[in-house]
């Protein structure tokens, strides 16, 4: 009887050790995925995904491998992760998500791929803005066009500063050709040219204050007033 008991105990102990080793292996594999992304190691990423790891596991500041790949503009790696089901809407500790970051920072090829994976346009960045607002402010015309043509993102969304994409394209820019084109695209997709900031200052008033005569002309043609 005692021999049977000892045998059963040995089996249980061996099983427990195996499970612990398996957990350790998974942890090592997950760490390696982020390292592969940061090293731009495409084959390493492919192998990690093939091994069935948790592709959305975050680092200590909440970044997923897909967010890191987006930050680094690693197009092929981002594609691998997207096809494996990586979450494009998961936000890090400062409320960046892969989709928001790609929109805001001009990662156009990655953004174009993400549009096939049902982005959540109701998730906002740390300023309370959607992806369109910083895309407009930073001069990413192609991103602005993609977001307005391929999603139902609110062109008149107001962030915590009280600004829309149209207002930021005037207030925070040099008013050059790319911003003139962005403003035309925003207006074509329903931007309210008379929606003021939280101080009650309209887009037209901001344009006149900054002496952006071409933007002033565009706004007036769209029915703007102070």
Foldseek 3Di string as FASTA:
>chain_A
DVVVVVVVVVVVVVVVVVVVVVVVVLVVLQVQCLVCLVVLPQVSVVVSLVVPHDQQDADPQFDGSLLSNLVVLSLSSNVSCVVSPHDQCRATNQQDGNQLCCLQPVSLSSNVVCLVVDDDQCRAGNQQHGSLQNNLLVLVQNSNLCCLVRHVHDQADATNQQDGSLQSLQQRDLLDDSSLSSNVSSVVSPHDQQRAGPVNQGSLNSCVVSVNVSSNVVSVVSPYDD
